[in-house]
C-alpha cells in the first residue's frame, strides 16, 4: 500500500519533468514551422524520410508541454508509431518519454511510469546516457509523488551518477535539488539543506536563474520547517525575484503561495489571503490547474477556520472542479472529505456521509493511506454527530491505526479522546444505575428521618431563642468595641499619611537636587558649547560653519530631548495623584513616535520593523508611554551601527503587554546593566560618537513604575540589546491581539 506524503516542495518537483529534456518551443511559430516540415517529409512524397518525420513529430509534441497534454500525447503517439514502423529505437525512446510526460500531466501515474520504464530500457540498450538520466529522474518524480521515498531516492541517485559521469553540471544540479526533496521527506533535514545548498552553488556558477529559483524556494521551505521564519520568507522572496526576471509566472505563483502558506501557519489569515489571491491570479493567467487547485483549497481552509462555511464550501467546490479537470483522483478524494466536514458543521449529515464515503472509496481505488486516514476520521465525526457511538469509535480506531503508520500524532490524540469519551459513556450508564439504587434507599430513609427532623427543629427553635438573647447583649459590647477600634484605626491612618508625606517630601528634595544637578551640568554644557561655536562661526568662514552646524544641531537636539524628559518628569511629580490612565492603541503610538524621530533614523540608515499588531490596547498614561518609547528608540538608534535594524514586537502575558525594542548594535556588558538605573548618571557615546545625558533610561523606568509598568534589559557585549517594558493590557484586549 502506498503512503502518500504530500511534499512541501511539490510545485518545484513538477517543474523538473522537462528540465532535462531540452528546450520548450514557443507554440505558434514553432508549430507552424514543424507542420510544414511534416508535409515536406511525408513518406508518400519522400520515401526514406521516416526518421526526420519521427524527430519532427517529437519536437512538435514538445511544443504542447505543459499547456496541452492531450495534443502532446497525440503527437508523441504518432511519433512512436512511425518510429516503431521503421525500427527507429532512438525515436521510440524519445516518444515513450513524451507519452509518459503527457500521462503524468493529467495524473495518470501508472501509465506515465510504464512509459518511463520502457523509455529507460531502450535508452540503456542504445547507451543514450542523457536520455537514460532524464527517464530515471522522471521515474523518481512519480515515486516521490506517491510517497515511495526510498524508490525515488534510488532513481534520483542513478540519474545523478550518470550526470556526474557525463560531467553534466546542469543535470547534476537538478538531480541534487530533487534528491534534497527526498531527504526532506525522510526527515533528514540537515542532508536536505546541504544538498540544496550544493545545488545552489552549481546553478549560480552556471548563471541558471531557473535552477537558482528552485533551490532558493526549497531552502526557504526547509528554513520554515526549522522555525527560521524570517530566513524562509527571505529565500522565497529571492526566488520570486529571480522568477520575475525570467517571467516564470508559474514559478512566481508557487513562491507567492509558499509565502502565503507561512503566514497561514502563523495564524495571519489576512496576509495569507493577500498572497494567495496574487498566486491565484498568476496561476489562472498561465492555466496552471494544480496551482489554482492548491490556492483554492488553502483559501477554503482559511474560510472554514473562520467559520465562514458557505464561502469555504464554494471554494472547495471550485477546487473540486479543477481537480476533476486535472484528472487527479487524490485531489478529488481529499476535497470530498473536506466538503464532508463542512456539511457536518452545517448539520447536513446525510450529505456529509455521502461525500466522506465517496472520498473513502477513491482512497481505496488509488491505494492511498492518507485519504483513507482523513476519510475514516471524517466518518467518525459524522457518526458521532448522528449518535452512532459504535461506528464512530470503529472509524476512529481505523484512523488511529493508519495514523500510527504515518506518524500522525494529532489523529492518535483524537482517537485517545474518543476512547475517553466512550469510557465516559460507559461509566455514565453505570452511574445512572447506581443513582437509581441510591434514590430508592434515600426514599426508605426519608420516612424515618421525618420524625427525627421535627424533633431536631423543635430543639433548634428553643436554642435559637436562647442564642438571640445572648447575641443581643454581645452586640452592645461589640458596638462599643468597634467605636474604639475605629478611633484607633483613624489615628493609625493619620500617622501613616504623615509618614508618607514626610517620605514624599524627602524624595521631592532629592529629586529637586538631582533635577538642578542635571540642568546645571547636562544643559549648561551643550548650550555653552553651542554659544561658543556660534561666536566662532561669526569669526570664521563658511567651511567652519558647515563643519560646526551639525555638532550644534546635535547638542540642541540633546538639550531638547533632555528638556522634554525633565518637563514630563516635573509634570508627573506635580500631578502624580491625578494622572489619567486611558485605553489606547500601542501600535499607533509607535508609528507616531517613529515619525517624530524619522530624521535620526534616516541619518544612520536604520530600518525600524514594527511587528506590534494593530489594536494592541493598553491602559496607561499616553504621554508617558510616548516619552518612554521615544527614549528607548532614540537609545537603540544611538547604539546601532550604520544601516542596522531595530525590531519592535510585543507579547500578551498575564494581562500585560510586554514590548521589546531590539537592536543589533554594540550591546551592553551584563555587569553594567544594574548600574544603568542607579542614582549616578552614566552616559556612553553612541556608535557614531553621539552624546546623551544618561537620564532617559532611569527616567523611563521611574515613569513606567508610576503607571503600573516596569522596564528591564537583556543584552551582551557586541550582540545587540533587548530593552523590555510592560504595561497593563486593556480590559477588552485578547491574547491574539484583537479587541
Foldseek 3Di string as FASTA:
>chain_A
DFAFDAFPLLLLLLVLLCPLPDDADAQDVLLVVLVVVLVVQPCVVPPPSLVVNLVSLLNNLSNCPPPHLVSNLVSLVVSLVSCVVVVVLLSNLSSLQSNLNSCVQLAVNVSSLVSLVVSLVSCVVVVVLSSNLSSLSNNLSSCNRRNVLVSSLVSLVVSLVSCVVVVPLLSNLVSLLSNLSSCVSVVVLVSSLVSLVVSCVSCVVVVPLLSNLSSLQSNLVSCLVVVVPVSSLVSLVSSLVSCVVVVVLLSNLSSLQSNLVSCVVVVNNVSSLVSLVSSCVSCVVSVVLVSNLVSLQVNLVSCVVVVVLVSSLVSLVVSLVSSVVSNNLLSNLVSLQVNLQSCVVVVVLVSSLVSLVVSCVSCVVVVYLVSLLSSLQSVLSSCVVVVNLVSSLVSLVVNLVSCVVVVNVVSVVVNVVSVVVVVVVVVVVVVVVVVVVVVVVVVVVVVVCVVVVVVVVVVVVVVVVVVVVVVVVVVVVVVVVVVVVVVVVVVVVVVVVVVVVVVLVVVVVVVVVLVVVLCVPLVVVLVVVLVVLVVVPVVDDDVSVVVCVVVNVLSVVQNVLVVLLVVVVVVCSVCLVPQAWDKDWPLVLLVVLCVVCVVLCVVLLEAEAEPEDTQQIFTFRSSLSSSLSNLVVVVLSQFAHRNWYWYWYWACDPQKIKIKTWTQGFKDAPVCFVVLQDSDADWDGHPVRRTHSSCSVNSSQVRQVSQVKHWGKDIHGNGTIIIMMMGGGDPPADRVNHD
